Amino acid sequence: MKKLTASVLLVVLSSSFGIVSAQNRDTLRTQDITEVVMTGAMNRKMKLDASTTSAVVVSKEKLTQAGAPNALAALQSKVPGLTINKTNNGVDGTYDIKIRGTRTLTGNTSPLIVIDGVVSTMAIFQSIPSDLIESVTTLLGLQGAALYGSQGVNGAIVVTTKKGSGSRKPRVSFNSNVEFDNVLFVPKRQNQYGQGWAGNRIHVENGAWGPSYSDPAYAGQNVAIGVPFYDVNGDGKITVDPNGDVPAADAASSIYAPYAARGKDNVKEFFQTGLNLNNTLTVTGGSEGAYAGLTINRQDREFIIADDKLKKTSINLNGGFKLGKLTLDGSMTYINRSVSTTSADLYPNLLQSSAEIPITSFANSPHAYGWNMYYQNPYWTIKNIRSNSKQDIFTGTISLGYKINDHISFTNNGSVQVTSTDAMGYNNGYIASAATAVPFITSNGTSAAVSGITSSYSQSNSINRYFYNDIMANFNYDLTKDINMRLTVGHNVQQTEGKITSVSGTGIKILEFINIGT
């Protein structure tokens, strides 16, 4: 996909009224909260008085006070009218964000994201650590449309990253956050009946409607649960009974547990304590008329599901100077992010367990099936079904200004955003047939009692580029005592490119990671 736009703009603002077509350039100047001025399309300025407008400014102190894992999460509960919902609770969860309700039933409802004066995306905003942000201005209601036209009809979130300090003395700061995650609650399930169906005790059933825990035939006894781990009698088969208790031939390798509801919820026992480490180093300095800054952030997160991990490194370098009539500002941000997750089907499979099953005891089961023969063992899923992705995000901006005199000045603003993603997913599969399964899981000696799992592999590579540049000549003259003329002549170019290459297949036995060239 490739999109190229070019335009020449001529705008005249008088002392009475002016209308400007919004574009993708914006700068933010913050002083006291009642003196925040937005400079939007073609230098149109709008004062944001917190007491009279629907604009909210969130400072860096508020963004970092709770140690949020990213800038988007740091905004939660800090802006009236801003709704942030987590749509995916995985290790690298995704968010849906709206400003004061839905304005369309079928169209896009997300606000416009502007980062350092350039229109960006929700994905890039979510990737930025909160320690990298100087301030976030949320434009509610018609404010976004007033500055950005139709792109801002759902409102706008204007992000300004930290800039270096003009202080002669270098400043070094280090911020470290540690966060622990635990499952608060899981859906409540009945705890009066055990594994089985229609009142019958069945050791490989996924239902939880077997005999009552008070049934004298089972109450207080240790019972065999699930598919035995290995072939005990040496006949090359693991024998299960889909209509009753485990056959005696291989019962010795079964998991045994009391036929009674466990003291703790067995689904909650499955999840581990998640750990999120977030460290940020910032170095700033400069001299009169110049500044520079460097921010390095590292985030390591281990999820509540074993082996689900997020690793992210962010580097921001910025600087600028003023030399006579010339001013130059620039910044570069690089984000490297890698994520590994397992299948989302793991959770509903956990909920199929009855209350007496010790789920954690099946962590070392060699089979794709654990306490039942219908749903996959979640520990097998963790090891054999995974999605891995690596993403590199580069953003660079530069602003060049030259002031000829008090009436005439020239500015040139440019930006480039490049996002590269490599994704790979695999399912190692499971073969259940007698010809290849060792040992063979069967109920009658000849046919498989469990279903095979089809292996699969997929890989995709994508790259997206966004280029922006505008050059403007600004004229400001007082024609009379009461009439002022402002004239801006400019040329703007925007270019968007996108490319994705993907390959996938099924029925592949994957013994090692496979890399497919593109």
Protein backbone atom coordinates (compact mmCIF):
# COMPACT_ATOMS: atom_id res chain seq x y z
CA MET A 1 0.00 0.00 0.00
CA LYS A 2 1.39 3.39 -0.94
CA LYS A 3 -0.21 6.77 -0.50
CA LEU A 4 1.29 10.08 -1.59
CA THR A 5 -0.24 13.50 -1.03
CA ALA A 6 1.09 16.94 -1.83
CA SER A 7 -0.50 20.33 -1.33
CA VAL A 8 0.12 24.04 -1.42
CA LEU A 9 -1.72 26.05 1.23
CA LEU A 10 -2.49 29.72 1.51
CA VAL A 11 -4.07 31.00 4.71
CA VAL A 12 -4.91 34.56 5.76
CA LEU A 13 -5.98 35.33 9.33
CA SER A 14 -7.42 38.75 10.17
CA SER A 15 -8.15 40.29 13.53
CA SER A 16 -11.76 39.18 13.37
CA PHE A 17 -12.03 35.55 12.24
CA GLY A 18 -10.11 32.87 10.38
CA ILE A 19 -10.67 29.24 9.28
CA VAL A 20 -7.80 26.85 8.76
CA SER A 21 -7.82 23.36 7.21
CA ALA A 22 -6.20 21.03 9.71
CA GLN A 23 -3.02 19.12 8.92
CA ASN A 24 -0.66 16.79 10.69
CA ARG A 25 1.70 19.27 12.32
CA ASP A 26 1.42 20.34 15.91
CA THR A 27 3.57 21.69 18.67
CA LEU A 28 2.81 22.04 22.33
CA ARG A 29 4.01 24.73 24.70
CA THR A 30 3.25 24.23 28.38
CA GLN A 31 3.57 26.77 31.15
CA ASP A 32 0.96 27.01 33.86
CA ILE A 33 -1.99 24.75 33.10
CA THR A 34 -4.15 27.81 32.37
CA GLU A 35 -1.62 29.03 29.81
CA VAL A 36 -1.26 25.99 27.56
CA VAL A 37 -1.21 26.98 23.91
CA MET A 38 -1.72 24.52 21.07
CA THR A 39 -0.26 25.46 17.70
CA GLY A 40 -2.10 23.38 15.17
CA ALA A 41 -2.54 23.40 11.43
CA MET A 42 -0.54 26.09 9.67
CA ASN A 43 0.33 27.89 12.89
CA ARG A 44 -3.21 28.32 14.15
CA LYS A 45 -2.96 28.91 17.91
CA MET A 46 -5.57 27.98 20.48
CA LYS A 47 -5.34 28.77 24.18
CA LEU A 48 -6.47 25.91 26.38
CA ASP A 49 -7.99 27.35 29.52
CA ALA A 50 -8.65 24.38 31.80
CA SER A 51 -11.65 26.12 33.36
CA THR A 52 -13.48 26.89 30.14
CA THR A 53 -12.45 24.32 27.53
CA SER A 54 -12.57 20.56 27.15
CA ALA A 55 -8.82 20.04 27.06
CA VAL A 56 -6.93 18.20 29.81
CA VAL A 57 -3.16 18.27 30.30
CA VAL A 58 -1.51 15.40 32.18
CA SER A 59 2.01 16.11 33.38
CA LYS A 60 4.96 13.72 33.52
CA GLU A 61 4.67 13.54 37.31
CA LYS A 62 1.17 12.09 37.10
CA LEU A 63 2.10 9.73 34.26
CA THR A 64 4.93 8.12 36.21
CA GLN A 65 3.58 8.14 39.75
CA ALA A 66 2.04 4.64 39.56
CA GLY A 67 4.76 2.97 37.49
CA ALA A 68 2.47 2.06 34.58
CA PRO A 69 4.03 -0.29 31.99
CA ASN A 70 3.37 2.10 29.09
CA ALA A 71 2.14 5.61 28.36
CA LEU A 72 -1.37 4.54 27.38
CA ALA A 73 -1.93 2.60 30.59
CA ALA A 74 -0.61 5.59 32.55
CA LEU A 75 -3.54 7.70 31.30
CA GLN A 76 -6.16 5.50 32.93
CA SER A 77 -8.41 7.36 35.41
CA LYS A 78 -6.53 10.63 34.88
CA VAL A 79 -8.71 12.32 32.24
CA PRO A 80 -12.47 12.89 32.71
CA GLY A 81 -14.40 11.59 29.73
CA LEU A 82 -11.52 9.40 28.53
CA THR A 83 -12.39 5.68 28.58
CA ILE A 84 -9.57 3.15 28.33
CA ASN A 85 -10.54 -0.52 28.22
CA LYS A 86 -8.09 -3.38 28.05
CA THR A 87 -9.29 -5.63 25.25
CA ASN A 88 -6.56 -8.24 25.66
CA ASN A 89 -5.18 -9.18 29.08
CA GLY A 90 -2.13 -10.95 27.72
CA VAL A 91 1.48 -10.16 28.51
CA ASP A 92 1.35 -7.32 25.97
CA GLY A 93 -2.30 -6.38 26.32
CA THR A 94 -4.09 -4.17 23.82
CA TYR A 95 -6.38 -1.27 24.63
CA ASP A 96 -9.46 0.40 23.22
CA ILE A 97 -9.69 4.11 23.88
CA LYS A 98 -12.61 6.49 23.42
CA ILE A 99 -13.27 10.11 24.28
CA ARG A 100 -16.76 10.77 25.63
CA GLY A 101 -18.64 7.92 24.03
CA THR A 102 -19.19 6.43 20.60
CA ARG A 103 -19.97 8.72 17.67
CA THR A 104 -20.51 6.05 15.04
CA LEU A 105 -21.88 2.50 14.89
CA THR A 106 -19.61 1.19 12.15
CA GLY A 107 -16.70 3.61 11.74
CA ASN A 108 -13.52 4.21 13.71
CA THR A 109 -14.13 5.57 17.22
CA SER A 110 -10.51 5.98 18.34
CA PRO A 111 -9.08 9.45 18.89
CA LEU A 112 -6.27 10.82 16.76
CA ILE A 113 -2.79 10.17 18.18
CA VAL A 114 -0.19 12.92 17.66
CA ILE A 115 3.35 12.33 18.96
CA ASP A 116 5.82 15.21 18.84
CA GLY A 117 3.77 16.99 16.23
CA VAL A 118 3.27 14.05 13.89
CA VAL A 119 0.17 11.90 13.45
CA SER A 120 0.99 8.44 14.80
CA THR A 121 -0.80 5.23 15.79
CA MET A 122 -2.23 3.68 18.94
CA ALA A 123 0.30 0.82 18.66
CA ILE A 124 3.28 3.20 18.77
CA PHE A 125 1.72 5.19 21.62
CA GLN A 126 1.28 1.98 23.60
CA SER A 127 4.92 1.05 22.98
CA ILE A 128 6.29 4.25 24.49
CA PRO A 129 7.27 3.96 28.17
CA SER A 130 5.62 6.49 30.47
CA ASP A 131 9.05 7.74 31.61
CA LEU A 132 9.67 9.04 28.09
CA ILE A 133 6.67 11.38 28.13
CA GLU A 134 6.83 15.04 29.12
CA SER A 135 3.08 15.65 28.91
CA VAL A 136 -0.12 14.40 27.30
CA THR A 137 -2.87 16.78 26.21
CA THR A 138 -6.29 15.26 25.57
CA LEU A 139 -8.57 17.29 23.35
CA LEU A 140 -12.19 16.44 24.06
CA GLY A 141 -15.32 17.36 22.16
CA LEU A 142 -14.80 19.65 19.17
CA GLN A 143 -11.28 20.69 20.12
CA GLY A 144 -9.73 17.85 18.14
CA ALA A 145 -11.73 18.65 15.02
CA ALA A 146 -10.94 22.35 15.36
CA LEU A 147 -7.20 21.66 15.12
CA TYR A 148 -7.10 18.52 12.97
CA GLY A 149 -10.25 18.56 10.87
CA SER A 150 -12.02 15.29 10.15
CA GLN A 151 -9.10 13.27 11.53
CA GLY A 152 -9.79 14.69 14.97
CA VAL A 153 -13.56 14.23 15.01
CA ASN A 154 -13.21 11.61 17.79
CA GLY A 155 -10.89 13.88 19.75
CA ALA A 156 -7.11 13.91 19.86
CA ILE A 157 -4.36 12.83 22.22
CA VAL A 158 -1.28 15.02 21.79
CA VAL A 159 1.92 13.52 23.22
CA THR A 160 5.10 15.48 23.86
CA THR A 161 8.20 13.45 24.69
CA LYS A 162 10.90 14.70 27.04
CA LYS A 163 13.45 17.15 25.72
CA GLY A 164 16.93 17.79 27.01
CA SER A 165 17.67 20.50 29.50
CA GLY A 166 19.35 23.78 28.70
CA SER A 167 21.09 23.71 32.06
CA ARG A 168 24.85 23.86 31.94
CA LYS A 169 25.08 21.15 34.57
CA PRO A 170 24.34 17.61 33.36
CA ARG A 171 21.44 15.95 35.13
CA VAL A 172 21.22 12.20 35.63
CA SER A 173 18.15 10.41 36.95
CA PHE A 174 17.26 6.75 37.36
CA ASN A 175 13.76 5.41 37.91
CA SER A 176 13.01 1.79 38.73
CA ASN A 177 9.62 0.12 39.20
CA VAL A 178 8.74 -3.42 40.24
CA GLU A 179 5.22 -4.76 39.75
CA PHE A 180 3.73 -8.12 40.71
CA ASP A 181 0.67 -9.59 39.01
CA ASN A 182 -1.69 -12.18 40.46
CA VAL A 183 -5.07 -13.53 39.40
CA LEU A 184 -7.70 -11.79 41.52
CA PHE A 185 -10.58 -14.16 40.82
CA VAL A 186 -11.81 -16.76 38.34
CA PRO A 187 -15.41 -17.70 37.49
CA LYS A 188 -17.07 -19.54 40.34
CA ARG A 189 -17.77 -23.20 39.57
CA GLN A 190 -19.81 -25.79 41.42
CA ASN A 191 -17.92 -27.84 44.04
CA GLN A 192 -20.45 -30.53 44.96
CA TYR A 193 -19.85 -33.01 42.13
CA GLY A 194 -16.60 -34.43 40.82
CA GLN A 195 -15.16 -35.52 37.50
CA GLY A 196 -17.55 -37.55 35.38
CA TRP A 197 -20.91 -37.34 33.70
CA ALA A 198 -24.53 -38.18 34.59
CA GLY A 199 -23.50 -39.20 38.11
CA ASN A 200 -20.83 -41.67 36.92
CA ARG A 201 -17.19 -41.42 37.89
CA ILE A 202 -15.11 -41.19 34.64
CA HIS A 203 -11.38 -40.56 35.02
CA VAL A 204 -10.89 -38.95 31.56
CA GLU A 205 -14.12 -36.96 31.33
CA ASN A 206 -14.04 -33.18 30.90
CA GLY A 207 -17.39 -32.75 32.63
CA ALA A 208 -17.83 -32.04 36.33
CA TRP A 209 -21.11 -33.89 36.89
CA GLY A 210 -19.93 -37.17 38.32
CA PRO A 211 -20.75 -38.58 41.77
CA SER A 212 -21.25 -36.21 44.66
CA TYR A 213 -18.23 -35.58 46.86
CA SER A 214 -20.29 -37.02 49.71
CA ASP A 215 -20.97 -40.28 47.80
CA PRO A 216 -19.80 -43.08 50.18
CA ALA A 217 -18.35 -45.01 47.22
CA TYR A 218 -15.72 -42.31 46.67
CA ALA A 219 -15.76 -39.81 49.55
CA GLY A 220 -12.39 -39.59 51.33
CA GLN A 221 -10.67 -41.95 48.86
CA ASN A 222 -7.71 -41.29 46.60
CA VAL A 223 -8.80 -41.76 42.99
CA ALA A 224 -6.86 -42.00 39.74
CA ILE A 225 -7.29 -38.97 37.50
CA GLY A 226 -6.68 -38.46 33.80
CA VAL A 227 -4.47 -40.20 31.26
CA PRO A 228 -1.71 -42.30 32.92
CA PHE A 229 1.76 -40.90 32.31
CA TYR A 230 3.40 -44.00 30.85
CA ASP A 231 2.94 -47.65 29.89
CA VAL A 232 3.29 -49.71 33.07
CA ASN A 233 2.77 -53.29 31.88
CA GLY A 234 5.02 -52.92 28.79
CA ASP A 235 2.42 -53.73 26.12
CA GLY A 236 3.18 -50.49 24.23
CA LYS A 237 -0.20 -49.01 25.12
CA ILE A 238 -1.68 -46.69 27.70
CA THR A 239 -5.20 -47.91 28.33
CA VAL A 240 -7.97 -45.53 29.43
CA ASP A 241 -11.65 -46.11 30.14
CA PRO A 242 -13.95 -43.41 28.70
CA ASN A 243 -16.84 -44.82 30.74
CA GLY A 244 -15.32 -45.46 34.16
CA ASP A 245 -12.21 -45.55 36.33
CA VAL A 246 -8.68 -46.00 35.03
CA PRO A 247 -7.87 -49.62 34.00
CA ALA A 248 -5.58 -51.41 36.42
CA ALA A 249 -2.93 -52.19 33.76
CA ASP A 250 -1.47 -48.65 33.81
CA ALA A 251 -3.05 -47.19 36.95
CA ALA A 252 0.29 -47.07 38.76
CA SER A 253 1.43 -44.14 36.57
CA SER A 254 -1.72 -42.07 37.16
CA ILE A 255 -2.10 -38.95 39.24
CA TYR A 256 -4.00 -39.72 42.46
CA ALA A 257 -5.85 -37.20 44.58
CA PRO A 258 -8.63 -37.20 47.23
CA TYR A 259 -12.14 -37.23 45.85
CA ALA A 260 -13.09 -33.89 47.41
CA ALA A 261 -13.07 -30.26 46.41
CA ARG A 262 -9.59 -28.76 46.89
CA GLY A 263 -9.07 -26.15 49.57
CA LYS A 264 -7.88 -23.64 46.96
CA ASP A 265 -9.37 -23.02 43.55
CA ASN A 266 -7.44 -25.36 41.26
CA VAL A 267 -7.67 -22.95 38.30
CA LYS A 268 -6.09 -20.15 40.32
CA GLU A 269 -3.36 -22.56 41.43
CA PHE A 270 -2.32 -22.95 37.81
CA PHE A 271 -1.30 -19.30 37.40
CA GLN A 272 2.02 -18.01 38.68
CA THR A 273 2.91 -14.61 40.12
CA GLY A 274 3.79 -12.29 37.26
CA LEU A 275 6.76 -9.93 37.48
CA ASN A 276 7.23 -6.63 35.67
CA LEU A 277 10.57 -4.79 35.90
CA ASN A 278 10.77 -1.28 34.45
CA ASN A 279 14.00 0.76 34.59
CA THR A 280 14.68 4.16 33.06
CA LEU A 281 17.92 6.15 32.85
CA THR A 282 17.77 9.82 31.78
CA VAL A 283 20.71 12.13 31.08
CA THR A 284 20.12 15.77 30.12
CA GLY A 285 22.35 18.79 29.74
CA GLY A 286 23.27 21.70 27.56
CA SER A 287 24.39 25.27 27.52
CA GLU A 288 22.96 28.66 26.70
CA GLY A 289 21.00 28.31 23.46
CA ALA A 290 21.44 24.55 23.22
CA TYR A 291 20.18 21.38 24.87
CA ALA A 292 20.51 17.60 24.60
CA GLY A 293 18.94 14.61 26.30
CA LEU A 294 19.14 10.82 26.33
CA THR A 295 16.55 8.46 27.81
CA ILE A 296 16.97 4.68 27.94
CA ASN A 297 14.18 2.41 29.16
CA ARG A 298 14.15 -1.34 29.68
CA GLN A 299 11.06 -3.39 30.50
CA ASP A 300 11.07 -7.12 31.29
CA ARG A 301 7.76 -8.77 32.05
CA GLU A 302 6.98 -12.36 32.97
CA PHE A 303 3.27 -13.04 32.73
CA ILE A 304 1.01 -15.03 35.06
CA ILE A 305 1.22 -17.80 32.43
CA ALA A 306 4.61 -19.49 32.38
CA ASP A 307 6.87 -18.68 29.41
CA ASP A 308 4.70 -15.74 28.26
CA LYS A 309 7.19 -12.88 28.23
CA LEU A 310 7.67 -9.32 27.04
CA LYS A 311 11.05 -7.63 26.56
CA LYS A 312 11.24 -4.03 25.42
CA THR A 313 14.08 -1.54 25.04
CA SER A 314 13.43 2.11 24.24
CA ILE A 315 16.05 4.75 23.42
CA ASN A 316 15.27 8.42 22.88
CA LEU A 317 17.87 10.99 21.84
CA ASN A 318 16.97 14.63 21.34
CA GLY A 319 18.69 17.96 21.03
CA GLY A 320 18.54 21.43 19.63
CA PHE A 321 20.26 24.79 19.43
CA LYS A 322 19.73 28.39 18.46
CA LEU A 323 22.41 30.19 16.48
CA GLY A 324 21.53 33.72 15.59
CA LYS A 325 18.43 33.64 13.44
CA LEU A 326 18.61 29.87 12.96
CA THR A 327 16.96 27.31 15.23
CA LEU A 328 17.20 23.53 14.97
CA ASP A 329 15.38 20.85 17.00
CA GLY A 330 15.48 17.11 16.44
CA SER A 331 14.68 13.83 18.15
CA MET A 332 15.09 10.12 17.48
CA THR A 333 13.25 7.28 19.20
CA TYR A 334 14.05 3.60 18.76
CA ILE A 335 11.94 0.85 20.32
CA ASN A 336 12.77 -2.85 20.16
CA ARG A 337 10.06 -5.18 21.45
CA SER A 338 9.81 -8.98 21.57
CA VAL A 339 6.78 -10.91 22.78
CA SER A 340 6.12 -14.62 23.26
CA THR A 341 2.62 -15.92 24.05
CA THR A 342 0.77 -19.22 24.03
CA SER A 343 -2.73 -20.03 22.78
CA ALA A 344 -5.72 -18.19 24.23
CA ASP A 345 -7.61 -21.53 24.23
CA LEU A 346 -5.68 -22.47 27.36
CA TYR A 347 -8.01 -20.58 29.68
CA PRO A 348 -11.38 -22.11 28.65
CA ASN A 349 -9.73 -25.54 28.79
CA LEU A 350 -8.80 -24.87 32.42
CA LEU A 351 -12.39 -24.02 33.26
CA GLN A 352 -13.48 -27.52 32.14
CA SER A 353 -11.84 -29.08 35.20
CA SER A 354 -13.78 -30.32 38.21
CA ALA A 355 -12.89 -29.03 41.66
CA GLU A 356 -10.87 -32.05 42.91
CA ILE A 357 -8.35 -32.16 40.03
CA PRO A 358 -4.79 -31.11 40.99
CA ILE A 359 -4.05 -29.26 37.76
CA THR A 360 -0.44 -28.44 38.70
CA SER A 361 0.35 -32.16 39.05
CA PHE A 362 0.07 -32.50 35.26
CA ALA A 363 2.95 -30.09 34.61
CA ASN A 364 5.26 -33.03 33.79
CA SER A 365 2.79 -35.08 31.79
CA PRO A 366 4.39 -36.28 28.54
CA HIS A 367 1.06 -36.21 26.70
CA ALA A 368 -0.96 -33.56 24.91
CA TYR A 369 -3.87 -34.58 27.15
CA GLY A 370 -3.84 -34.44 30.94
CA TRP A 371 -6.81 -34.99 33.24
CA ASN A 372 -9.20 -35.60 30.35
CA MET A 373 -8.96 -36.91 26.81
CA TYR A 374 -10.93 -34.15 25.09
CA TYR A 375 -9.07 -30.91 25.84
CA GLN A 376 -5.35 -30.25 25.72
CA ASN A 377 -3.20 -30.27 28.82
CA PRO A 378 -2.43 -26.55 29.40
CA TYR A 379 1.21 -27.34 30.16
CA TRP A 380 1.55 -29.08 26.81
CA THR A 381 -0.07 -26.05 25.18
CA ILE A 382 2.46 -23.69 26.79
CA LYS A 383 5.39 -25.68 25.42
CA ASN A 384 4.05 -26.59 21.99
CA ILE A 385 1.76 -23.79 20.80
CA ARG A 386 3.37 -20.37 20.69
CA SER A 387 3.29 -17.04 18.90
CA ASN A 388 6.51 -15.04 18.86
CA SER A 389 7.00 -11.56 17.45
CA LYS A 390 9.82 -9.04 17.21
CA GLN A 391 9.17 -5.41 16.39
CA ASP A 392 11.45 -2.47 15.68
CA ILE A 393 10.01 1.04 15.72
CA PHE A 394 12.03 4.05 14.60
CA THR A 395 10.76 7.61 14.74
CA GLY A 396 12.78 10.68 13.81
CA THR A 397 11.71 14.33 13.68
CA ILE A 398 13.52 17.51 12.74
CA SER A 399 12.42 21.12 12.83
CA LEU A 400 14.42 23.89 11.18
CA GLY A 401 13.52 27.58 11.52
CA TYR A 402 15.00 30.80 10.19
CA LYS A 403 13.78 34.27 11.19
CA ILE A 404 14.67 36.96 8.68
CA ASN A 405 13.13 39.77 10.72
CA ASP A 406 10.17 40.45 13.01
CA HIS A 407 7.77 40.02 10.08
CA ILE A 408 9.14 37.15 7.98
CA SER A 409 10.23 33.66 9.01
CA PHE A 410 10.65 30.25 7.41
CA THR A 411 10.16 26.82 8.98
CA ASN A 412 10.71 23.30 7.73
CA ASN A 413 9.41 20.30 9.68
CA GLY A 414 10.11 16.71 8.75
CA SER A 415 9.42 13.31 10.26
CA VAL A 416 9.82 9.66 9.46
CA GLN A 417 8.27 6.63 11.17
CA VAL A 418 9.33 3.09 10.31
CA THR A 419 7.81 0.00 11.93
CA SER A 420 9.19 -3.44 11.13
CA THR A 421 7.58 -6.61 12.50
CA ASP A 422 8.62 -10.28 12.28
CA ALA A 423 6.03 -12.74 13.58
CA MET A 424 6.21 -16.51 13.86
CA GLY A 425 3.64 -18.95 15.21
CA TYR A 426 3.74 -22.72 15.53
CA ASN A 427 1.83 -25.72 16.82
CA ASN A 428 4.04 -28.79 17.16
CA GLY A 429 1.03 -31.06 16.88
CA TYR A 430 0.34 -34.50 18.31
CA ILE A 431 -0.01 -37.80 16.45
CA ALA A 432 -2.45 -40.25 18.03
CA SER A 433 -2.48 -43.15 15.56
CA ALA A 434 -1.22 -46.61 16.53
CA ALA A 435 1.41 -46.57 13.79
CA THR A 436 3.37 -43.64 15.20
CA ALA A 437 2.24 -42.77 18.74
CA VAL A 438 4.63 -44.14 21.37
CA PRO A 439 3.04 -45.12 23.63
CA PHE A 440 -0.36 -45.52 22.01
CA ILE A 441 -3.31 -44.18 24.05
CA THR A 442 -6.30 -46.45 23.51
CA SER A 443 -9.49 -47.63 25.14
CA ASN A 444 -10.05 -50.86 23.21
CA GLY A 445 -6.54 -51.89 22.17
CA THR A 446 -6.84 -51.09 18.45
CA SER A 447 -8.03 -47.52 17.94
CA ALA A 448 -6.88 -44.24 19.45
CA ALA A 449 -8.89 -42.94 22.37
CA VAL A 450 -7.70 -39.34 21.86
CA SER A 451 -7.69 -37.11 18.80
CA GLY A 452 -4.58 -36.05 16.96
CA ILE A 453 -3.62 -32.38 16.91
CA THR A 454 -2.74 -30.90 13.52
CA SER A 455 0.63 -29.19 13.48
CA SER A 456 0.98 -25.80 11.86
CA TYR A 457 3.49 -23.08 11.16
CA SER A 458 3.17 -19.46 10.08
CA GLN A 459 5.58 -16.61 9.55
CA SER A 460 5.02 -13.04 8.45
CA ASN A 461 7.19 -9.99 7.90
CA SER A 462 5.79 -6.49 7.58
CA ILE A 463 7.16 -3.00 7.26
CA ASN A 464 5.29 0.30 7.41
CA ARG A 465 6.76 3.71 6.64
CA TYR A 466 5.33 7.17 7.11
CA PHE A 467 7.05 10.33 5.84
CA TYR A 468 6.01 13.89 6.57
CA ASN A 469 7.52 17.20 5.53
CA ASP A 470 6.24 20.74 5.34
CA ILE A 471 7.95 24.00 4.50
CA MET A 472 6.25 27.27 5.37
CA ALA A 473 6.86 30.97 4.91
CA ASN A 474 5.21 33.06 7.61
CA PHE A 475 4.40 36.77 7.22
CA ASN A 476 3.07 38.95 10.03
CA TYR A 477 2.28 42.65 9.43
CA ASP A 478 0.19 45.28 11.17
CA LEU A 479 -1.65 46.98 8.30
CA THR A 480 -3.24 49.56 10.56
CA LYS A 481 -3.58 50.13 14.28
CA ASP A 482 -6.54 47.73 14.43
CA ILE A 483 -5.90 45.35 11.54
CA ASN A 484 -3.25 42.67 11.47
CA MET A 485 -2.43 40.39 8.55
CA ARG A 486 -0.92 36.96 8.93
CA LEU A 487 -0.04 35.07 5.79
CA THR A 488 1.32 31.55 5.64
CA VAL A 489 2.36 29.93 2.37
CA GLY A 490 3.44 26.34 2.56
CA HIS A 491 4.00 23.06 0.80
CA ASN A 492 3.21 19.79 2.55
CA VAL A 493 4.08 16.22 1.53
CA GLN A 494 2.91 13.02 3.23
CA GLN A 495 3.72 9.51 2.12
CA THR A 496 2.56 6.20 3.59
CA GLU A 497 3.95 2.83 2.56
CA GLY A 498 3.09 -0.64 3.78
CA LYS A 499 4.20 -4.14 2.87
CA ILE A 500 3.52 -7.56 4.36
CA THR A 501 4.76 -10.99 3.37
CA SER A 502 3.40 -14.15 4.97
CA VAL A 503 3.61 -17.91 4.62
CA SER A 504 1.88 -20.70 6.52
CA GLY A 505 1.23 -24.42 6.39
CA THR A 506 -0.33 -27.29 8.31
CA GLY A 507 0.59 -30.91 8.88
CA ILE A 508 4.23 -30.01 9.52
CA LYS A 509 6.18 -31.80 12.23
CA ILE A 510 8.37 -29.10 13.75
CA LEU A 511 11.38 -30.36 15.65
CA GLU A 512 13.30 -27.08 15.64
CA PHE A 513 12.48 -23.47 14.89
CA ILE A 514 12.14 -22.98 11.15
CA ASN A 515 13.03 -19.71 9.42
CA ILE A 516 11.45 -19.13 6.05
CA GLY A 517 13.08 -16.45 3.91
CA THR A 518 10.96 -13.83 2.17
